[in-house]
Amino acid sequence: MALLIACNREQAHETKARAENAATKVVRKVSDAFDVSTPMGGKEPAPTQQDLDRQRFDQQWRQLQSFRAQQAAQAAAQQAAQQAQQTPAPLNVQIVHGKKESFKGLDANSINSAPVNLPITGDVRGPSVLRTQVYLDRAHFSVGVIDGRWGRNSAITVWWWQKAHGMDATGDVDEATFRSIAQAAGDAPVVTTYTLTAGDLKGPFVQIPESPYEKAKLDCLCYESLREELAERFHCTEDFLELLNPDVKINELQAGATINAPNVRPPMTQDQPDIAKVVISIVGNSYNAFDANGNLIFHAPTTLGSTYDPSPDETVHVVKIAPMPHFHYDPTLYHEVPDSEPDAHLNPGPNSPVGVVWMALSKPHYGMHGTPDPDSIGYASSHGCVRLTNWDAQEVSHRIREGVPVSFVDTTSKHMPDVAKK
């Protein structure tokens, strides 16, 4: 009996030791992969829809130095673009001018066959805007979330497309610009159908609380609903996914059901590190990636630091790439949180404060990462890191490597005209 008791005690001691050792390894793994921690957002009030609409049509980005001072694209790229314009590929769409558009009463076939109304500029929405947004996305010039409505993110993306292809950079879509984008995207149908699988439905779907301490109790910061999961898969807002599927209760769908969705680029799953340099406009909310020859090969809207937690005004470099990272909530990194508050460790998931991937920079606690709130990208500010939509961050993580330089321009205090500081 004494031997049995001693054996049991020894076994219990070994079990406890193994558990403590495992916990230590997990903490070390989290720390190593995540560079300890980073601010995840503060208690400032979330922007209202009115705030977002105001930012959507703010034209001050046109005055920023990085937009005004850009040099012409590479001569070879210009020549190729000019040749493409001289002999444009035939399009499977009719181009019209000066028409009013909406999605009212249109099904997927009607959207796919709708004429393209040009030019695209200002506060407009409809099939022509959707087609342009989808084609840009397929060409790896992301507009962030796709919603069929024009605005700042889409205009800036078009501006960079035009600049990269030797065109007159206006940010508006004329016929030459549309043909160039459509040709690069393969003139594909703008809306596609998708059949749900059992994997789509298995979740788990969870309710995400506000408190980091309540989040820490969850096994996964997963999607909250099937609708959210599908909207993110197809790079669109949840409301727009519902618009494409009227009278469909998306959260109640079963395996085998089909939905309409934007025909966006497929996710990148294999590494192909072709990004040699990243340049980020802080106030212009632009993320630009260049190859070794200086060609712009990826663009996306981004959200960077607020006045409380500004992004670094310097050139840094990538030091770590961690998919599905754990998150260390450290109150000492938040100006609005008392340092006496306890830490918390959050499990991975698309609704993590840093989304599906973390790309640590050489400045401590700074990095490039995804977000649980894709609708805010390009508009609302963060606590200092470079936020992208989850799908854009994931693509960058496969196209970048450790050591790649990341430069920040258009800061809130330097190299900007007064109009851009308001």
Protein backbone atom coordinates (compact mmCIF):
# COMPACT_ATOMS: atom_id res chain seq x y z
CA MET A 1 0.00 0.00 0.00
CA ALA A 2 2.81 2.40 0.94
CA LEU A 3 4.58 1.57 -2.31
CA LEU A 4 1.39 2.19 -4.28
CA ILE A 5 0.85 5.56 -2.59
CA ALA A 6 4.46 6.57 -3.26
CA CYS A 7 4.15 5.45 -6.88
CA ASN A 8 0.95 7.41 -7.34
CA ARG A 9 2.53 10.50 -5.80
CA GLU A 10 5.55 10.16 -8.07
CA GLN A 11 3.30 9.70 -11.10
CA ALA A 12 1.26 12.75 -10.12
CA HIS A 13 4.47 14.74 -9.69
CA GLU A 14 5.70 13.67 -13.14
CA THR A 15 2.33 14.51 -14.69
CA LYS A 16 2.41 17.98 -13.15
CA ALA A 17 6.01 18.49 -14.28
CA ARG A 18 5.13 17.43 -17.83
CA ALA A 19 2.16 19.81 -17.84
CA GLU A 20 4.29 22.70 -16.58
CA ASN A 21 6.99 21.90 -19.12
CA ALA A 22 4.41 21.78 -21.91
CA ALA A 23 2.92 25.09 -20.78
CA THR A 24 6.39 26.65 -20.76
CA LYS A 25 7.03 25.41 -24.29
CA VAL A 26 3.70 26.86 -25.44
CA VAL A 27 4.53 30.24 -23.90
CA ARG A 28 7.98 30.17 -25.51
CA LYS A 29 6.48 29.18 -28.85
CA VAL A 30 3.94 31.99 -28.66
CA SER A 31 6.62 34.48 -27.64
CA ASP A 32 9.02 33.40 -30.37
CA ALA A 33 6.39 33.38 -33.11
CA PHE A 34 4.70 36.59 -32.14
CA ASP A 35 7.57 38.74 -30.88
CA VAL A 36 5.78 38.81 -27.52
CA SER A 37 2.81 41.11 -28.18
CA THR A 38 1.41 44.18 -29.86
CA PRO A 39 -1.44 46.59 -29.19
CA MET A 40 -4.75 45.18 -30.43
CA GLY A 41 -6.95 48.25 -30.29
CA GLY A 42 -8.14 50.70 -27.72
CA LYS A 43 -11.28 51.98 -26.11
CA GLU A 44 -11.76 54.89 -28.47
CA PRO A 45 -15.30 54.84 -29.91
CA ALA A 46 -15.66 52.85 -33.11
CA PRO A 47 -16.18 54.97 -36.22
CA THR A 48 -19.79 55.49 -37.23
CA GLN A 49 -21.09 54.74 -40.71
CA GLN A 50 -21.19 58.49 -41.28
CA ASP A 51 -17.48 58.70 -40.39
CA LEU A 52 -16.65 55.88 -42.79
CA ASP A 53 -18.70 57.47 -45.59
CA ARG A 54 -16.90 60.77 -45.06
CA GLN A 55 -13.52 59.02 -45.29
CA ARG A 56 -14.69 57.04 -48.31
CA PHE A 57 -14.92 60.20 -50.41
CA ASP A 58 -12.04 62.15 -48.87
CA GLN A 59 -9.80 63.33 -51.73
CA GLN A 60 -6.84 64.53 -49.65
CA TRP A 61 -4.82 61.44 -50.56
CA ARG A 62 -4.26 63.01 -53.99
CA GLN A 63 -2.08 65.69 -52.36
CA LEU A 64 0.26 63.33 -50.54
CA GLN A 65 3.92 63.39 -51.50
CA SER A 66 4.14 59.72 -52.41
CA PHE A 67 1.30 60.19 -54.89
CA ARG A 68 2.53 63.48 -56.36
CA ALA A 69 6.21 62.55 -56.57
CA GLN A 70 5.98 59.07 -58.06
CA GLN A 71 8.20 58.61 -61.09
CA ALA A 72 6.98 56.99 -64.27
CA ALA A 73 6.89 53.20 -64.34
CA GLN A 74 9.68 51.12 -65.84
CA ALA A 75 10.21 51.86 -69.54
CA ALA A 76 9.59 48.25 -70.49
CA ALA A 77 6.33 48.19 -68.57
CA GLN A 78 5.25 51.45 -70.20
CA GLN A 79 6.03 50.14 -73.65
CA ALA A 80 4.13 46.91 -73.01
CA ALA A 81 1.16 48.88 -71.68
CA GLN A 82 1.19 51.20 -74.69
CA GLN A 83 1.26 48.24 -77.05
CA ALA A 84 -1.63 46.67 -75.18
CA GLN A 85 -3.59 49.92 -75.52
CA GLN A 86 -2.84 50.14 -79.22
CA THR A 87 -4.08 46.60 -79.84
CA PRO A 88 -6.60 46.01 -77.04
CA ALA A 89 -7.97 42.52 -76.62
CA PRO A 90 -11.68 42.22 -77.42
CA LEU A 91 -13.97 42.38 -74.39
CA ASN A 92 -17.10 40.36 -73.78
CA VAL A 93 -18.90 43.45 -72.49
CA GLN A 94 -20.54 46.47 -74.00
CA ILE A 95 -19.17 49.86 -72.95
CA VAL A 96 -21.62 52.71 -72.47
CA HIS A 97 -21.36 56.22 -71.10
CA GLY A 98 -23.40 58.38 -68.78
CA LYS A 99 -25.93 55.76 -67.65
CA LYS A 100 -27.29 55.36 -64.12
CA GLU A 101 -26.81 51.97 -62.49
CA SER A 102 -28.01 50.00 -59.50
CA PHE A 103 -28.31 46.38 -58.43
CA LYS A 104 -32.06 46.57 -58.04
CA GLY A 105 -33.78 43.65 -59.75
CA LEU A 106 -30.55 42.16 -61.10
CA ASP A 107 -29.61 38.50 -60.70
CA ALA A 108 -26.16 37.00 -61.27
CA ASN A 109 -26.69 36.55 -65.00
CA SER A 110 -27.88 40.13 -65.38
CA ILE A 111 -24.84 41.44 -63.51
CA ASN A 112 -22.46 39.35 -65.63
CA SER A 113 -24.02 40.55 -68.88
CA ALA A 114 -24.53 44.19 -67.87
CA PRO A 115 -22.74 46.85 -69.95
CA VAL A 116 -19.86 48.71 -68.38
CA ASN A 117 -20.76 52.32 -67.71
CA LEU A 118 -17.81 54.71 -67.94
CA PRO A 119 -16.22 56.77 -66.54
CA ILE A 120 -16.34 55.45 -62.97
CA THR A 121 -15.82 58.23 -60.43
CA GLY A 122 -17.56 59.77 -57.43
CA ASP A 123 -20.32 58.19 -55.35
CA VAL A 124 -21.64 55.55 -57.75
CA ARG A 125 -22.54 51.89 -57.37
CA GLY A 126 -23.66 49.09 -59.64
CA PRO A 127 -22.42 46.26 -61.88
CA SER A 128 -19.69 48.40 -63.49
CA VAL A 129 -18.14 49.21 -60.11
CA LEU A 130 -18.41 45.57 -59.04
CA ARG A 131 -16.75 44.37 -62.24
CA THR A 132 -13.87 46.81 -61.78
CA GLN A 133 -13.40 45.88 -58.11
CA VAL A 134 -13.40 42.15 -58.90
CA TYR A 135 -11.01 42.53 -61.83
CA LEU A 136 -8.59 44.59 -59.74
CA ASP A 137 -8.74 41.95 -57.01
CA ARG A 138 -8.00 39.19 -59.53
CA ALA A 139 -5.00 41.20 -60.77
CA HIS A 140 -3.64 41.40 -57.17
CA PHE A 141 -4.50 45.10 -56.83
CA SER A 142 -6.89 44.75 -53.92
CA VAL A 143 -9.61 47.28 -53.07
CA GLY A 144 -10.13 45.71 -49.64
CA VAL A 145 -13.72 44.60 -49.16
CA ILE A 146 -15.79 44.41 -52.33
CA ASP A 147 -19.23 46.02 -52.10
CA GLY A 148 -20.09 47.33 -55.57
CA ARG A 149 -19.75 50.97 -54.44
CA TRP A 150 -16.98 53.32 -55.54
CA GLY A 151 -14.87 55.24 -53.06
CA ARG A 152 -11.43 56.08 -51.74
CA ASN A 153 -10.01 52.54 -51.57
CA SER A 154 -11.07 51.73 -55.13
CA ALA A 155 -9.89 55.08 -56.52
CA ILE A 156 -6.47 54.79 -54.88
CA THR A 157 -6.08 51.24 -56.21
CA VAL A 158 -6.92 52.44 -59.72
CA TRP A 159 -4.46 55.32 -59.33
CA TRP A 160 -1.66 52.87 -58.54
CA TRP A 161 -2.73 50.54 -61.33
CA GLN A 162 -2.54 53.40 -63.83
CA LYS A 163 0.84 54.52 -62.50
CA ALA A 164 2.27 51.00 -62.61
CA HIS A 165 1.11 50.54 -66.21
CA GLY A 166 2.35 53.83 -67.65
CA MET A 167 -1.08 55.45 -67.86
CA ASP A 168 -2.26 58.90 -66.88
CA ALA A 169 -2.92 58.47 -63.15
CA THR A 170 -6.28 59.96 -62.24
CA GLY A 171 -7.89 57.37 -59.98
CA ASP A 172 -10.93 57.38 -62.28
CA VAL A 173 -11.78 54.51 -64.62
CA ASP A 174 -11.85 55.47 -68.28
CA GLU A 175 -12.05 53.03 -71.19
CA ALA A 176 -8.28 52.54 -71.56
CA THR A 177 -7.97 51.84 -67.82
CA PHE A 178 -10.88 49.42 -67.78
CA ARG A 179 -9.56 47.49 -70.78
CA SER A 180 -6.14 47.21 -69.14
CA ILE A 181 -7.61 45.87 -65.89
CA ALA A 182 -10.02 43.52 -67.66
CA GLN A 183 -7.26 42.07 -69.82
CA ALA A 184 -5.07 41.40 -66.77
CA ALA A 185 -7.98 39.70 -65.01
CA GLY A 186 -8.79 37.48 -67.94
CA ASP A 187 -12.17 39.14 -68.63
CA ALA A 188 -13.76 36.59 -66.27
CA PRO A 189 -17.41 36.54 -65.16
CA VAL A 190 -17.79 38.99 -62.30
CA VAL A 191 -20.19 36.80 -60.28
CA THR A 192 -19.69 33.08 -59.84
CA THR A 193 -21.59 30.29 -58.09
CA TYR A 194 -20.18 28.33 -55.18
CA THR A 195 -21.40 25.03 -53.77
CA LEU A 196 -21.13 24.71 -50.01
CA THR A 197 -19.27 21.73 -48.55
CA ALA A 198 -19.55 19.97 -45.22
CA GLY A 199 -16.26 21.61 -44.28
CA ASP A 200 -17.81 25.05 -44.73
CA LEU A 201 -20.53 24.21 -42.24
CA LYS A 202 -18.53 22.53 -39.49
CA GLY A 203 -17.25 25.76 -37.93
CA PRO A 204 -16.96 25.94 -35.02
CA PHE A 205 -18.81 29.26 -35.01
CA VAL A 206 -18.42 31.26 -31.82
CA GLN A 207 -19.65 34.52 -30.36
CA ILE A 208 -16.69 36.88 -29.95
CA PRO A 209 -16.85 38.94 -26.72
CA GLU A 210 -15.37 42.43 -26.37
CA SER A 211 -13.18 41.74 -23.34
CA PRO A 212 -9.73 40.26 -24.01
CA TYR A 213 -10.12 38.19 -20.85
CA GLU A 214 -13.35 36.67 -22.14
CA LYS A 215 -11.70 36.09 -25.52
CA ALA A 216 -8.91 34.24 -23.73
CA LYS A 217 -11.46 31.68 -22.54
CA LEU A 218 -12.30 30.64 -26.11
CA ASP A 219 -10.59 27.66 -27.75
CA CYS A 220 -10.57 29.54 -31.07
CA LEU A 221 -11.26 33.07 -32.22
CA CYS A 222 -13.17 31.54 -35.11
CA TYR A 223 -15.81 33.00 -37.39
CA GLU A 224 -19.04 34.02 -35.74
CA SER A 225 -21.24 32.72 -38.55
CA LEU A 226 -21.28 30.97 -41.90
CA ARG A 227 -22.17 34.30 -43.48
CA GLU A 228 -19.01 35.92 -42.08
CA GLU A 229 -16.87 32.98 -43.24
CA LEU A 230 -18.23 33.11 -46.79
CA ALA A 231 -18.03 36.89 -47.04
CA GLU A 232 -14.34 36.74 -46.11
CA ARG A 233 -13.69 33.89 -48.55
CA PHE A 234 -15.11 36.02 -51.36
CA HIS A 235 -13.52 39.30 -50.21
CA CYS A 236 -16.82 41.13 -49.77
CA THR A 237 -18.98 42.64 -47.07
CA GLU A 238 -21.62 40.44 -45.47
CA ASP A 239 -24.31 42.84 -46.66
CA PHE A 240 -23.12 42.58 -50.25
CA LEU A 241 -23.10 38.78 -50.08
CA GLU A 242 -26.73 38.98 -49.04
CA LEU A 243 -27.47 41.40 -51.89
CA LEU A 244 -26.16 38.80 -54.36
CA ASN A 245 -28.34 36.15 -52.66
CA PRO A 246 -31.75 37.76 -52.03
CA ASP A 247 -34.23 35.76 -49.96
CA VAL A 248 -31.47 33.30 -48.97
CA LYS A 249 -30.85 32.69 -45.26
CA ILE A 250 -27.13 32.07 -45.60
CA ASN A 251 -26.58 30.91 -42.03
CA GLU A 252 -29.19 28.19 -42.50
CA LEU A 253 -27.75 26.70 -45.70
CA GLN A 254 -26.72 23.05 -45.86
CA ALA A 255 -23.95 21.26 -47.74
CA GLY A 256 -24.72 21.10 -51.45
CA ALA A 257 -26.49 24.46 -51.54
CA THR A 258 -25.16 27.07 -53.98
CA ILE A 259 -24.66 30.79 -53.55
CA ASN A 260 -23.67 33.69 -55.79
CA ALA A 261 -20.39 35.39 -54.92
CA PRO A 262 -17.80 37.76 -56.39
CA ASN A 263 -15.38 35.90 -58.65
CA VAL A 264 -12.24 36.92 -56.77
CA ARG A 265 -8.68 35.62 -57.03
CA PRO A 266 -8.12 32.19 -55.46
CA PRO A 267 -6.25 32.08 -52.14
CA MET A 268 -2.49 31.62 -52.32
CA THR A 269 -1.43 28.53 -50.37
CA GLN A 270 2.20 28.03 -51.46
CA ASP A 271 5.17 30.31 -50.88
CA GLN A 272 6.43 32.25 -53.88
CA PRO A 273 8.57 35.02 -52.36
CA ASP A 274 8.68 37.64 -55.10
CA ILE A 275 8.27 40.76 -52.95
CA ALA A 276 11.60 42.58 -52.58
CA LYS A 277 10.43 45.86 -51.02
CA VAL A 278 7.31 47.24 -49.35
CA VAL A 279 6.39 50.94 -49.23
CA ILE A 280 3.48 52.03 -47.05
CA SER A 281 1.73 55.39 -47.16
CA ILE A 282 0.50 56.06 -43.63
CA VAL A 283 -2.02 58.80 -44.39
CA GLY A 284 -2.67 57.47 -47.89
CA ASN A 285 -3.56 54.06 -46.39
CA SER A 286 -1.71 52.30 -49.21
CA TYR A 287 0.34 49.11 -49.07
CA ASN A 288 2.59 48.67 -52.13
CA ALA A 289 4.88 45.71 -52.77
CA PHE A 290 7.58 45.77 -55.44
CA ASP A 291 9.68 43.04 -57.02
CA ALA A 292 13.47 43.11 -57.42
CA ASN A 293 13.14 45.10 -60.67
CA GLY A 294 11.04 47.81 -59.04
CA ASN A 295 7.74 46.70 -60.56
CA LEU A 296 4.62 47.16 -58.44
CA ILE A 297 3.27 43.60 -58.11
CA PHE A 298 0.80 43.92 -55.23
CA HIS A 299 -1.31 46.74 -53.85
CA ALA A 300 -3.85 46.81 -51.03
CA PRO A 301 -5.52 49.36 -48.77
CA THR A 302 -4.19 49.33 -45.24
CA THR A 303 -4.92 50.90 -41.89
CA LEU A 304 -2.09 52.19 -39.75
CA GLY A 305 -1.41 53.94 -36.48
CA SER A 306 -3.55 56.65 -34.95
CA THR A 307 -2.14 59.80 -33.35
CA TYR A 308 -1.94 57.92 -30.04
CA ASP A 309 0.08 55.02 -31.39
CA PRO A 310 1.71 56.15 -34.64
CA SER A 311 3.33 53.73 -37.02
CA PRO A 312 7.12 53.99 -37.27
CA ASP A 313 8.49 56.79 -39.45
CA GLU A 314 11.42 54.80 -40.71
CA THR A 315 12.53 51.81 -42.76
CA VAL A 316 12.41 48.50 -40.93
CA HIS A 317 12.45 44.92 -42.13
CA VAL A 318 10.53 41.66 -41.72
CA VAL A 319 11.93 39.42 -38.98
CA LYS A 320 9.28 36.72 -38.53
CA ILE A 321 6.26 35.29 -40.34
CA ALA A 322 3.78 33.40 -38.17
CA PRO A 323 0.53 32.00 -39.58
CA MET A 324 -2.39 31.63 -37.15
CA PRO A 325 -0.51 33.28 -34.28
CA HIS A 326 -1.42 33.25 -30.63
CA PHE A 327 -1.91 36.71 -29.16
CA HIS A 328 -0.41 38.05 -25.95
CA TYR A 329 -2.54 40.86 -24.53
CA ASP A 330 -0.11 43.07 -22.60
CA PRO A 331 -1.80 46.03 -20.86
CA THR A 332 1.52 47.93 -20.62
CA LEU A 333 1.33 48.51 -24.40
CA TYR A 334 -1.94 50.46 -24.19
CA HIS A 335 -2.00 54.06 -23.10
CA GLU A 336 -5.65 53.77 -22.03
CA VAL A 337 -5.26 50.55 -19.98
CA PRO A 338 -3.73 50.56 -16.46
CA ASP A 339 -0.45 48.65 -16.32
CA SER A 340 -1.77 46.83 -13.26
CA GLU A 341 -4.30 44.92 -15.36
CA PRO A 342 -3.40 41.24 -15.89
CA ASP A 343 -2.06 39.78 -19.12
CA ALA A 344 -4.11 37.44 -21.28
CA HIS A 345 -3.22 34.87 -23.96
CA LEU A 346 -5.66 34.53 -26.85
CA ASN A 347 -5.91 31.53 -29.16
CA PRO A 348 -5.62 31.91 -32.94
CA GLY A 349 -8.40 32.43 -35.44
CA PRO A 350 -9.64 34.83 -38.13
CA ASN A 351 -11.22 37.01 -35.41
CA SER A 352 -7.92 37.33 -33.55
CA PRO A 353 -6.81 40.94 -33.06
CA VAL A 354 -4.13 40.20 -35.67
CA GLY A 355 -6.21 37.99 -37.92
CA VAL A 356 -4.78 34.93 -39.62
CA VAL A 357 -1.11 35.91 -39.90
CA TRP A 358 1.51 38.04 -38.14
CA MET A 359 4.59 39.37 -39.95
CA ALA A 360 6.80 40.86 -37.26
CA LEU A 361 8.94 43.90 -38.08
CA SER A 362 12.34 44.79 -36.66
CA LYS A 363 10.74 47.49 -34.51
CA PRO A 364 9.51 45.71 -31.33
CA HIS A 365 5.75 45.10 -31.14
CA TYR A 366 5.20 46.31 -34.70
CA GLY A 367 4.10 44.08 -37.53
CA MET A 368 1.95 43.55 -40.59
CA HIS A 369 -1.13 41.42 -39.99
CA GLY A 370 -4.76 40.59 -40.70
CA THR A 371 -7.85 41.89 -38.95
CA PRO A 372 -11.20 40.74 -37.59
CA ASP A 373 -12.82 43.87 -39.10
CA PRO A 374 -12.14 43.99 -42.86
CA ASP A 375 -14.76 46.70 -43.49
CA SER A 376 -12.59 49.23 -41.61
CA ILE A 377 -9.43 48.70 -43.67
CA GLY A 378 -8.35 51.86 -45.44
CA TYR A 379 -10.31 54.08 -43.08
CA ALA A 380 -10.25 53.70 -39.28
CA SER A 381 -6.87 53.86 -37.52
CA SER A 382 -5.17 51.15 -35.49
CA HIS A 383 -2.73 51.18 -32.58
CA GLY A 384 0.35 51.37 -34.77
CA CYS A 385 0.68 48.17 -36.78
CA VAL A 386 -0.03 47.60 -40.45
CA ARG A 387 -3.47 46.04 -40.79
CA LEU A 388 -4.67 44.37 -43.98
CA THR A 389 -7.71 42.28 -44.71
CA ASN A 390 -7.10 38.65 -43.80
CA TRP A 391 -7.01 37.61 -47.46
CA ASP A 392 -4.49 40.31 -48.39
CA ALA A 393 -2.31 39.62 -45.34
CA GLN A 394 -2.32 35.91 -46.12
CA GLU A 395 -1.20 36.51 -49.70
CA VAL A 396 1.58 38.85 -48.59
CA SER A 397 2.80 36.23 -46.09
CA HIS A 398 3.34 33.79 -48.98
CA ARG A 399 5.04 36.39 -51.18
CA ILE A 400 7.42 37.96 -48.68
CA ARG A 401 10.39 36.64 -46.71
CA GLU A 402 12.41 37.60 -43.66
CA GLY A 403 14.74 40.53 -44.29
CA VAL A 404 12.54 42.35 -46.81
CA PRO A 405 12.66 46.13 -46.12
CA VAL A 406 9.43 47.94 -45.23
CA SER A 407 9.43 51.74 -45.59
CA PHE A 408 6.84 54.16 -44.22
CA VAL A 409 6.05 57.41 -46.07
CA ASP A 410 3.42 60.15 -45.82
CA THR A 411 3.65 60.35 -42.05
CA THR A 412 1.40 62.65 -40.08
CA SER A 413 4.25 65.08 -39.42
CA LYS A 414 6.56 65.05 -42.44
CA HIS A 415 6.52 65.49 -46.21
CA MET A 416 2.84 66.37 -46.47
CA PRO A 417 1.03 69.51 -47.60
CA ASP A 418 -1.12 71.22 -44.99
CA VAL A 419 -4.35 70.04 -46.63
CA ALA A 420 -3.42 66.41 -45.94
CA LYS A 421 -2.89 67.04 -42.22
CA LYS A 422 -6.51 67.98 -41.52
